[in-house]
Amino acid sequence: MVRHLRLTLTVGFGLGPGMLLPFALAFSLSTRQSDTFILALSFSVLLLNVVVASIEASSIAVIGEQIRRDAPLSARTLVRFALRNALQGLPACAIGVGSLLLIYVWSSPDPPELIACSLILCLAPVVGMASAVLSGALIAHERTSLPILSQGFRSILPLIAVILLPQMPLPLLCLLYPLGELVRLILLIGPWARLRRTQQVETRTTLTARGLYWQFASTSLTQANPVVDRFLLAGTGLGSITAYELADKVSFAIFQIAYNFGLLQRIGSWSTAPPEDRLRLFRRDLLKIALVTLAGSIVISAIIGILLMTPAVPEEWRLGLTWSLIAVFAMPIAISVTSSIRYLVILDAQRLLLPITIGGLIVNAVLDFLFLEWLGPIGIVLASIPTRAFLLVGMQLTISRLRRLET
């Protein structure tokens, strides 16, 4: 009971600030400022989800393999591993932010401010590449509490600032986000140092990041789907991007709860399990996590529906909450897709993700265009459900094919 309560508080702090930030921005800033900050933040979040999450997943797989072999790592080995990951991740960050700015800058009412905010916010994934290796190492050892809790520091500083000092210049407000990631990095050093002191013998083996560029490419294509969504919404009038972000945050909170309570607790065991047991563990855990996420989506949608029938909800939030009634039902599929990606990384089969994600990007773009024409802006939110279903089916077929080849 105490363990579950502690995990609940940990996840609450880890997710709460990020979920509340767009609501605070929409409430405290003008619509133009809110759209600019959120659009710039989406660049940083995209790189966190592509580059930083890929490095973390690779670190879990590589370090988990060392744990299975009972080969503890020296601090020097881990630092070198982090530097190798950073050298591979920096070009991906530069290409990603440059490409996104070229796509979006023409649609912004204030391009110079968007560029400044984007470049400042994208310092977070640069710092996050180092955090990802430490986080991955702790998760591989099934020490998940601090990697979860420390995520909250990314958003808590700008959240406090936008509430207490809404007149703060937007670039300065943006700077607080990467500072929060730096705080996270510092916090993660301590548990790893304590973990090392409990290990009797350390190996000085060379760790190599496996398939990072394949993973960058496939994950970026998956994450490009919300970029396409926002690009199309940018032409539908003021407020659409903020409404999309609010709906995304509500649904993403469900995803993050499922990820942190469920998936993150199991990834370490997949990476350290004997190869012959991995698929059974994966499928058992995947079914359980997906069903619990579906139950959570139903409960949250009911709560949101009740709230929308009351006058207590600010008008600035109503459109986003209405869209979230649809967005939450994509989350059981989304957590299943992420679980499948993590499993394929453990199998060192990232290269097989690329054709699936290319197909997913095409499906999403076509459905976005069609649903926008037929249903208006809310159609873009609806298109995420069949898109994610396409990705899940493709990944599960790939996993089954790999299993047949092994046998």
Protein backbone atom coordinates (compact mmCIF):
# COMPACT_ATOMS: atom_id res chain seq x y z
CA MET A 1 0.00 0.00 0.00
CA VAL A 2 2.77 2.43 0.97
CA ARG A 3 4.68 1.56 -2.22
CA HIS A 4 1.62 2.31 -4.41
CA LEU A 5 0.97 5.60 -2.59
CA ARG A 6 4.60 6.63 -3.03
CA LEU A 7 4.46 5.75 -6.73
CA THR A 8 1.21 7.73 -7.11
CA LEU A 9 2.79 10.82 -5.54
CA THR A 10 5.90 10.34 -7.68
CA VAL A 11 3.92 10.12 -10.91
CA GLY A 12 1.73 13.04 -9.82
CA PHE A 13 4.74 15.32 -9.41
CA GLY A 14 6.38 14.00 -12.55
CA LEU A 15 3.34 14.58 -14.77
CA GLY A 16 1.37 17.33 -13.04
CA PRO A 17 3.40 20.41 -14.01
CA GLY A 18 3.58 19.40 -17.68
CA MET A 19 -0.16 18.78 -17.83
CA LEU A 20 -1.04 22.05 -16.09
CA LEU A 21 1.37 24.27 -18.04
CA PRO A 22 -0.75 24.76 -21.22
CA PHE A 23 -3.84 25.46 -19.11
CA ALA A 24 -1.91 28.13 -17.18
CA LEU A 25 -0.56 29.59 -20.43
CA ALA A 26 -4.04 29.75 -21.99
CA PHE A 27 -5.44 31.39 -18.84
CA SER A 28 -2.64 33.88 -18.08
CA LEU A 29 -1.27 34.90 -21.50
CA SER A 30 -2.86 36.37 -24.58
CA THR A 31 -3.97 33.96 -27.30
CA ARG A 32 -1.04 35.04 -29.51
CA GLN A 33 1.53 34.55 -26.73
CA SER A 34 0.00 31.21 -25.71
CA ASP A 35 0.06 29.92 -29.29
CA THR A 36 3.67 31.07 -29.77
CA PHE A 37 4.93 29.49 -26.54
CA ILE A 38 3.05 26.23 -27.15
CA LEU A 39 4.19 26.02 -30.77
CA ALA A 40 7.81 26.61 -29.72
CA LEU A 41 7.44 24.14 -26.85
CA SER A 42 6.16 21.52 -29.30
CA PHE A 43 9.58 21.63 -31.04
CA SER A 44 11.33 20.88 -27.75
CA VAL A 45 8.85 18.18 -26.75
CA LEU A 46 9.21 16.57 -30.18
CA LEU A 47 12.99 16.35 -29.76
CA LEU A 48 12.55 15.04 -26.22
CA ASN A 49 10.24 12.34 -27.57
CA VAL A 50 12.51 11.49 -30.53
CA VAL A 51 16.13 11.98 -29.49
CA VAL A 52 16.02 11.83 -25.69
CA ALA A 53 13.47 9.00 -25.51
CA SER A 54 15.46 7.02 -28.10
CA ILE A 55 18.66 7.40 -26.09
CA GLU A 56 16.84 6.36 -22.92
CA ALA A 57 15.34 3.27 -24.63
CA SER A 58 18.72 2.32 -26.07
CA SER A 59 20.37 2.80 -22.68
CA ILE A 60 17.82 0.52 -21.02
CA ALA A 61 18.47 -2.19 -23.63
CA VAL A 62 22.28 -1.93 -23.56
CA ILE A 63 22.68 -1.60 -19.78
CA GLY A 64 19.98 -4.24 -19.18
CA GLU A 65 22.09 -6.64 -21.22
CA GLN A 66 25.06 -5.91 -18.94
CA ILE A 67 22.92 -6.56 -15.87
CA ARG A 68 21.77 -9.90 -17.32
CA ARG A 69 25.43 -10.82 -17.75
CA ASP A 70 26.18 -9.64 -14.18
CA ALA A 71 28.69 -7.08 -15.44
CA PRO A 72 28.47 -3.83 -13.36
CA LEU A 73 29.65 -0.68 -15.10
CA SER A 74 32.24 1.88 -14.06
CA ALA A 75 31.46 5.59 -13.98
CA ARG A 76 33.99 6.15 -16.77
CA THR A 77 32.18 3.62 -18.99
CA LEU A 78 28.84 5.33 -18.41
CA VAL A 79 30.24 8.81 -19.11
CA ARG A 80 31.80 7.62 -22.36
CA PHE A 81 28.52 5.97 -23.31
CA ALA A 82 26.69 9.25 -22.62
CA LEU A 83 29.16 11.18 -24.79
CA ARG A 84 28.74 8.71 -27.68
CA ASN A 85 24.98 9.12 -27.46
CA ALA A 86 25.27 12.90 -27.38
CA LEU A 87 27.53 12.97 -30.45
CA GLN A 88 24.90 11.00 -32.34
CA GLY A 89 22.00 13.00 -30.93
CA LEU A 90 23.24 16.56 -31.51
CA PRO A 91 23.02 16.42 -35.34
CA ALA A 92 19.51 14.98 -35.03
CA CYS A 93 18.51 17.89 -32.75
CA ALA A 94 19.96 20.46 -35.15
CA ILE A 95 18.27 18.94 -38.19
CA GLY A 96 14.97 18.58 -36.33
CA VAL A 97 14.70 22.13 -35.02
CA GLY A 98 15.90 23.61 -38.33
CA SER A 99 13.33 21.65 -40.32
CA LEU A 100 10.50 22.51 -37.97
CA LEU A 101 11.30 26.21 -38.00
CA LEU A 102 11.29 26.26 -41.79
CA ILE A 103 7.87 24.61 -41.81
CA TYR A 104 6.22 26.75 -39.14
CA VAL A 105 7.83 30.17 -39.26
CA TRP A 106 5.78 31.46 -42.18
CA SER A 107 2.49 30.81 -40.32
CA SER A 108 3.48 32.61 -37.11
CA PRO A 109 2.26 36.20 -36.51
CA ASP A 110 5.67 37.01 -34.99
CA PRO A 111 8.43 34.87 -36.61
CA PRO A 112 11.40 36.44 -34.72
CA GLU A 113 9.79 35.72 -31.36
CA LEU A 114 8.92 32.16 -32.44
CA ILE A 115 12.52 31.55 -33.54
CA ALA A 116 13.94 32.93 -30.28
CA CYS A 117 11.55 30.90 -28.12
CA SER A 118 12.15 27.73 -30.14
CA LEU A 119 15.93 27.93 -29.91
CA ILE A 120 15.81 28.55 -26.16
CA LEU A 121 13.36 25.72 -25.48
CA CYS A 122 15.38 23.32 -27.62
CA LEU A 123 18.24 23.57 -25.12
CA ALA A 124 16.17 21.16 -23.00
CA PRO A 125 16.68 18.10 -25.23
CA VAL A 126 20.41 18.93 -25.51
CA VAL A 127 20.71 18.67 -21.72
CA GLY A 128 18.22 15.80 -21.78
CA MET A 129 20.56 13.53 -23.78
CA ALA A 130 22.76 13.23 -20.69
CA SER A 131 19.73 12.82 -18.41
CA ALA A 132 18.46 10.01 -20.67
CA VAL A 133 21.53 7.81 -20.12
CA LEU A 134 21.32 8.15 -16.32
CA SER A 135 17.56 7.64 -16.41
CA GLY A 136 17.94 4.56 -18.64
CA ALA A 137 20.59 3.10 -16.32
CA LEU A 138 18.32 3.48 -13.29
CA ILE A 139 15.31 2.03 -15.13
CA ALA A 140 17.36 -0.97 -16.26
CA HIS A 141 18.10 -1.58 -12.57
CA GLU A 142 14.33 -1.20 -11.94
CA ARG A 143 14.91 2.01 -9.95
CA THR A 144 12.15 4.04 -11.62
CA SER A 145 11.03 6.52 -8.96
CA LEU A 146 13.46 9.37 -9.59
CA PRO A 147 13.42 9.08 -13.41
CA ILE A 148 9.63 9.54 -13.18
CA LEU A 149 9.53 12.25 -10.50
CA SER A 150 12.31 14.34 -12.02
CA GLN A 151 10.36 14.85 -15.27
CA GLY A 152 8.24 17.38 -13.40
CA PHE A 153 11.18 19.80 -13.10
CA ARG A 154 11.01 20.49 -16.85
CA SER A 155 7.69 22.32 -16.48
CA ILE A 156 7.42 23.38 -12.85
CA LEU A 157 9.60 26.49 -13.17
CA PRO A 158 7.73 28.02 -16.15
CA LEU A 159 4.41 26.97 -14.54
CA ILE A 160 5.18 28.90 -11.35
CA ALA A 161 6.47 31.86 -13.35
CA VAL A 162 3.44 32.15 -15.66
CA ILE A 163 1.12 32.08 -12.63
CA LEU A 164 3.06 34.57 -10.47
CA LEU A 165 4.67 36.72 -13.20
CA PRO A 166 2.45 36.60 -16.32
CA GLN A 167 4.11 39.77 -17.67
CA MET A 168 7.53 38.10 -17.84
CA PRO A 169 9.07 38.36 -21.35
CA LEU A 170 8.28 35.24 -23.34
CA PRO A 171 11.95 34.31 -24.12
CA LEU A 172 12.82 34.52 -20.41
CA LEU A 173 9.83 32.34 -19.57
CA CYS A 174 11.07 29.81 -22.13
CA LEU A 175 14.53 29.72 -20.55
CA LEU A 176 13.07 28.24 -17.36
CA TYR A 177 12.20 25.00 -19.21
CA PRO A 178 15.79 23.93 -20.05
CA LEU A 179 16.88 25.08 -16.59
CA GLY A 180 14.40 22.57 -15.20
CA GLU A 181 15.98 19.82 -17.33
CA LEU A 182 19.38 20.78 -15.89
CA VAL A 183 17.96 20.37 -12.38
CA ARG A 184 16.71 16.92 -13.44
CA LEU A 185 20.17 15.92 -14.65
CA ILE A 186 21.77 16.94 -11.36
CA LEU A 187 19.17 15.00 -9.36
CA LEU A 188 19.76 11.80 -11.38
CA ILE A 189 23.50 11.75 -10.65
CA GLY A 190 23.07 10.96 -6.95
CA PRO A 191 21.13 7.65 -7.19
CA TRP A 192 23.48 6.32 -9.86
CA ALA A 193 26.50 7.14 -7.70
CA ARG A 194 24.91 5.34 -4.72
CA LEU A 195 24.03 2.37 -6.94
CA ARG A 196 27.65 2.08 -8.10
CA ARG A 197 28.91 1.99 -4.51
CA THR A 198 26.82 -1.14 -3.87
CA GLN A 199 28.50 -3.00 -6.76
CA GLN A 200 31.60 -4.98 -5.82
CA VAL A 201 33.29 -5.35 -9.22
CA GLU A 202 33.05 -2.96 -12.13
CA THR A 203 33.78 -3.77 -15.74
CA ARG A 204 35.41 -1.36 -18.17
CA THR A 205 33.72 -2.71 -21.23
CA THR A 206 32.84 -0.36 -24.10
CA LEU A 207 29.12 0.29 -24.46
CA THR A 208 27.82 1.08 -27.93
CA ALA A 209 24.46 2.70 -28.61
CA ARG A 210 22.51 0.30 -30.79
CA GLY A 211 20.58 1.47 -33.84
CA LEU A 212 20.12 5.05 -32.65
CA TYR A 213 19.83 6.55 -36.13
CA TRP A 214 17.26 3.94 -37.14
CA GLN A 215 15.36 4.79 -34.00
CA PHE A 216 15.72 8.55 -34.52
CA ALA A 217 14.33 8.19 -38.04
CA SER A 218 11.38 5.97 -37.13
CA THR A 219 10.47 7.82 -33.95
CA SER A 220 10.70 11.20 -35.67
CA LEU A 221 8.26 10.00 -38.31
CA THR A 222 5.89 8.85 -35.59
CA GLN A 223 6.24 12.18 -33.78
CA ALA A 224 5.82 14.03 -37.08
CA ASN A 225 2.13 13.13 -37.00
CA PRO A 226 1.26 15.80 -34.38
CA VAL A 227 3.49 18.23 -36.28
CA VAL A 228 1.35 17.65 -39.38
CA ASP A 229 -1.73 18.09 -37.19
CA ARG A 230 -0.53 21.45 -35.86
CA PHE A 231 0.56 22.58 -39.31
CA LEU A 232 -2.95 22.05 -40.70
CA LEU A 233 -4.56 23.59 -37.61
CA ALA A 234 -2.38 26.72 -37.94
CA GLY A 235 -4.53 27.72 -40.92
CA THR A 236 -7.88 27.27 -39.15
CA GLY A 237 -7.75 30.40 -36.98
CA LEU A 238 -6.49 31.60 -33.60
CA GLY A 239 -7.04 29.27 -30.69
CA SER A 240 -7.02 25.98 -32.60
CA ILE A 241 -3.41 25.16 -31.70
CA THR A 242 -4.02 25.95 -28.03
CA ALA A 243 -7.20 23.82 -28.04
CA TYR A 244 -5.29 20.96 -29.68
CA GLU A 245 -2.55 21.28 -27.07
CA LEU A 246 -5.04 21.22 -24.19
CA ALA A 247 -6.69 18.08 -25.61
CA ASP A 248 -3.25 16.58 -26.18
CA LYS A 249 -2.21 17.30 -22.59
CA VAL A 250 -5.34 15.69 -21.13
CA SER A 251 -4.91 12.57 -23.26
CA PHE A 252 -1.14 12.55 -22.83
CA ALA A 253 -1.61 12.60 -19.06
CA ILE A 254 -3.46 9.29 -19.39
CA PHE A 255 -0.65 7.99 -21.59
CA GLN A 256 2.00 9.09 -19.10
CA ILE A 257 0.17 7.47 -16.19
CA ALA A 258 0.03 4.21 -18.15
CA TYR A 259 3.68 4.63 -19.17
CA ASN A 260 5.00 5.40 -15.71
CA PHE A 261 2.74 3.12 -13.64
CA GLY A 262 2.78 0.26 -16.13
CA LEU A 263 5.25 0.22 -19.00
CA LEU A 264 8.19 1.82 -17.25
CA GLN A 265 7.89 -0.67 -14.41
CA ARG A 266 8.20 -3.56 -16.89
CA ILE A 267 10.79 -2.45 -19.47
CA GLY A 268 13.71 -3.24 -17.17
CA SER A 269 12.50 -6.82 -16.71
CA TRP A 270 12.14 -7.29 -20.49
CA SER A 271 15.74 -6.17 -21.03
CA THR A 272 17.15 -8.46 -18.32
CA ALA A 273 14.91 -11.51 -18.96
CA PRO A 274 16.25 -14.60 -20.74
CA PRO A 275 15.56 -14.28 -24.50
CA GLU A 276 13.20 -17.26 -24.52
CA ASP A 277 10.91 -15.59 -21.93
CA ARG A 278 10.80 -12.07 -23.36
CA LEU A 279 7.89 -12.41 -25.80
CA ARG A 280 5.64 -14.06 -23.22
CA LEU A 281 6.39 -11.33 -20.67
CA PHE A 282 5.91 -8.62 -23.27
CA ARG A 283 2.50 -9.84 -24.49
CA ARG A 284 1.20 -10.44 -20.98
CA ASP A 285 2.23 -6.96 -19.82
CA LEU A 286 1.02 -5.29 -23.03
CA LEU A 287 -2.51 -6.66 -22.68
CA LYS A 288 -2.71 -5.67 -19.03
CA ILE A 289 -1.42 -2.13 -19.63
CA ALA A 290 -3.73 -1.54 -22.62
CA LEU A 291 -6.86 -2.68 -20.73
CA VAL A 292 -6.07 -0.54 -17.69
CA THR A 293 -5.45 2.46 -19.97
CA LEU A 294 -8.79 1.91 -21.70
CA ALA A 295 -10.55 1.86 -18.33
CA GLY A 296 -8.79 5.09 -17.39
CA SER A 297 -9.82 6.71 -20.67
CA ILE A 298 -13.48 5.88 -20.03
CA VAL A 299 -13.35 7.33 -16.51
CA ILE A 300 -11.58 10.53 -17.61
CA SER A 301 -13.96 11.11 -20.54
CA ALA A 302 -16.93 10.77 -18.16
CA ILE A 303 -15.40 13.31 -15.74
CA ILE A 304 -14.67 15.76 -18.58
CA GLY A 305 -18.22 15.37 -19.92
CA ILE A 306 -19.66 16.25 -16.51
CA LEU A 307 -17.33 19.25 -16.15
CA LEU A 308 -18.36 20.60 -19.55
CA MET A 309 -21.99 20.65 -18.42
CA THR A 310 -21.12 23.03 -15.58
CA PRO A 311 -20.30 26.76 -15.77
CA ALA A 312 -17.16 26.23 -13.65
CA VAL A 313 -14.93 25.52 -16.69
CA PRO A 314 -13.30 28.71 -18.07
CA GLU A 315 -14.31 29.53 -21.64
CA GLU A 316 -10.64 29.40 -22.73
CA TRP A 317 -10.55 25.68 -21.88
CA ARG A 318 -13.88 24.48 -23.28
CA LEU A 319 -12.86 23.77 -26.87
CA GLY A 320 -9.73 21.88 -25.79
CA LEU A 321 -11.66 19.80 -23.25
CA THR A 322 -14.31 18.98 -25.86
CA TRP A 323 -11.61 17.72 -28.24
CA SER A 324 -10.06 15.70 -25.42
CA LEU A 325 -13.24 13.55 -25.22
CA ILE A 326 -12.06 12.00 -28.50
CA ALA A 327 -8.28 12.20 -27.94
CA VAL A 328 -8.33 10.08 -24.76
CA PHE A 329 -9.55 7.01 -26.66
CA ALA A 330 -6.39 6.95 -28.78
CA MET A 331 -4.29 6.40 -25.65
CA PRO A 332 -4.75 2.61 -25.17
CA ILE A 333 -3.47 2.21 -28.72
CA ALA A 334 -0.72 4.78 -28.17
CA ILE A 335 0.68 2.99 -25.10
CA SER A 336 0.58 -0.29 -27.03
CA VAL A 337 2.54 1.32 -29.89
CA THR A 338 5.16 2.69 -27.47
CA SER A 339 5.43 -0.70 -25.74
CA SER A 340 6.01 -2.37 -29.11
CA ILE A 341 8.71 0.17 -30.02
CA ARG A 342 10.51 -0.40 -26.70
CA TYR A 343 10.35 -4.16 -27.20
CA LEU A 344 11.80 -3.93 -30.72
CA VAL A 345 14.63 -1.75 -29.34
CA ILE A 346 15.45 -4.47 -26.80
CA LEU A 347 15.54 -6.95 -29.70
CA ASP A 348 17.90 -4.56 -31.57
CA ALA A 349 15.39 -4.47 -34.45
CA GLN A 350 14.90 -0.69 -34.76
CA ARG A 351 15.55 -0.77 -38.51
CA LEU A 352 12.28 -2.68 -38.99
CA LEU A 353 10.32 0.24 -37.54
CA LEU A 354 11.07 2.62 -40.41
CA PRO A 355 8.72 1.25 -43.11
CA ILE A 356 5.89 1.04 -40.56
CA THR A 357 6.31 4.63 -39.43
CA ILE A 358 6.56 5.90 -43.02
CA GLY A 359 3.23 4.21 -43.70
CA GLY A 360 1.79 5.74 -40.52
CA LEU A 361 2.84 9.24 -41.56
CA ILE A 362 1.14 8.83 -44.94
CA VAL A 363 -2.03 7.43 -43.35
CA ASN A 364 -2.15 10.29 -40.83
CA ALA A 365 -1.64 13.01 -43.47
CA VAL A 366 -4.37 11.57 -45.73
CA LEU A 367 -6.84 11.14 -42.86
CA ASP A 368 -6.05 14.61 -41.49
CA PHE A 369 -6.83 16.20 -44.83
CA LEU A 370 -10.03 14.19 -45.38
CA PHE A 371 -11.37 14.54 -41.84
CA LEU A 372 -10.58 18.27 -41.77
CA GLU A 373 -12.62 18.73 -44.96
CA TRP A 374 -15.52 16.62 -43.69
CA LEU A 375 -15.65 17.48 -39.95
CA GLY A 376 -13.61 20.64 -39.46
CA PRO A 377 -10.70 20.99 -36.99
CA ILE A 378 -11.98 18.28 -34.64
CA GLY A 379 -11.48 15.79 -37.48
CA ILE A 380 -7.72 16.07 -37.01
CA VAL A 381 -8.10 14.85 -33.43
CA LEU A 382 -10.27 11.95 -34.61
CA ALA A 383 -7.70 10.92 -37.25
CA SER A 384 -5.19 9.97 -34.55
CA ILE A 385 -7.15 6.83 -33.61
CA PRO A 386 -6.96 4.94 -36.95
CA THR A 387 -3.40 6.20 -37.48
CA ARG A 388 -2.19 4.69 -34.21
CA ALA A 389 -4.12 1.49 -34.93
CA PHE A 390 -2.23 1.17 -38.23
CA LEU A 391 1.11 1.55 -36.42
CA LEU A 392 0.20 -1.01 -33.77
CA VAL A 393 -0.87 -3.65 -36.29
CA GLY A 394 2.34 -3.14 -38.28
CA MET A 395 4.55 -3.50 -35.21
CA GLN A 396 2.77 -6.57 -33.89
CA LEU A 397 3.07 -8.28 -37.28
CA THR A 398 6.80 -7.45 -37.25
CA ILE A 399 7.25 -8.91 -33.75
CA SER A 400 5.42 -12.10 -34.78
CA ARG A 401 7.61 -12.40 -37.89
CA LEU A 402 10.77 -12.04 -35.80
CA ARG A 403 9.55 -14.77 -33.47
CA ARG A 404 8.94 -17.14 -36.38
CA LEU A 405 12.42 -16.46 -37.73
CA GLU A 406 13.95 -17.25 -34.32
CA THR A 407 12.18 -20.61 -34.16
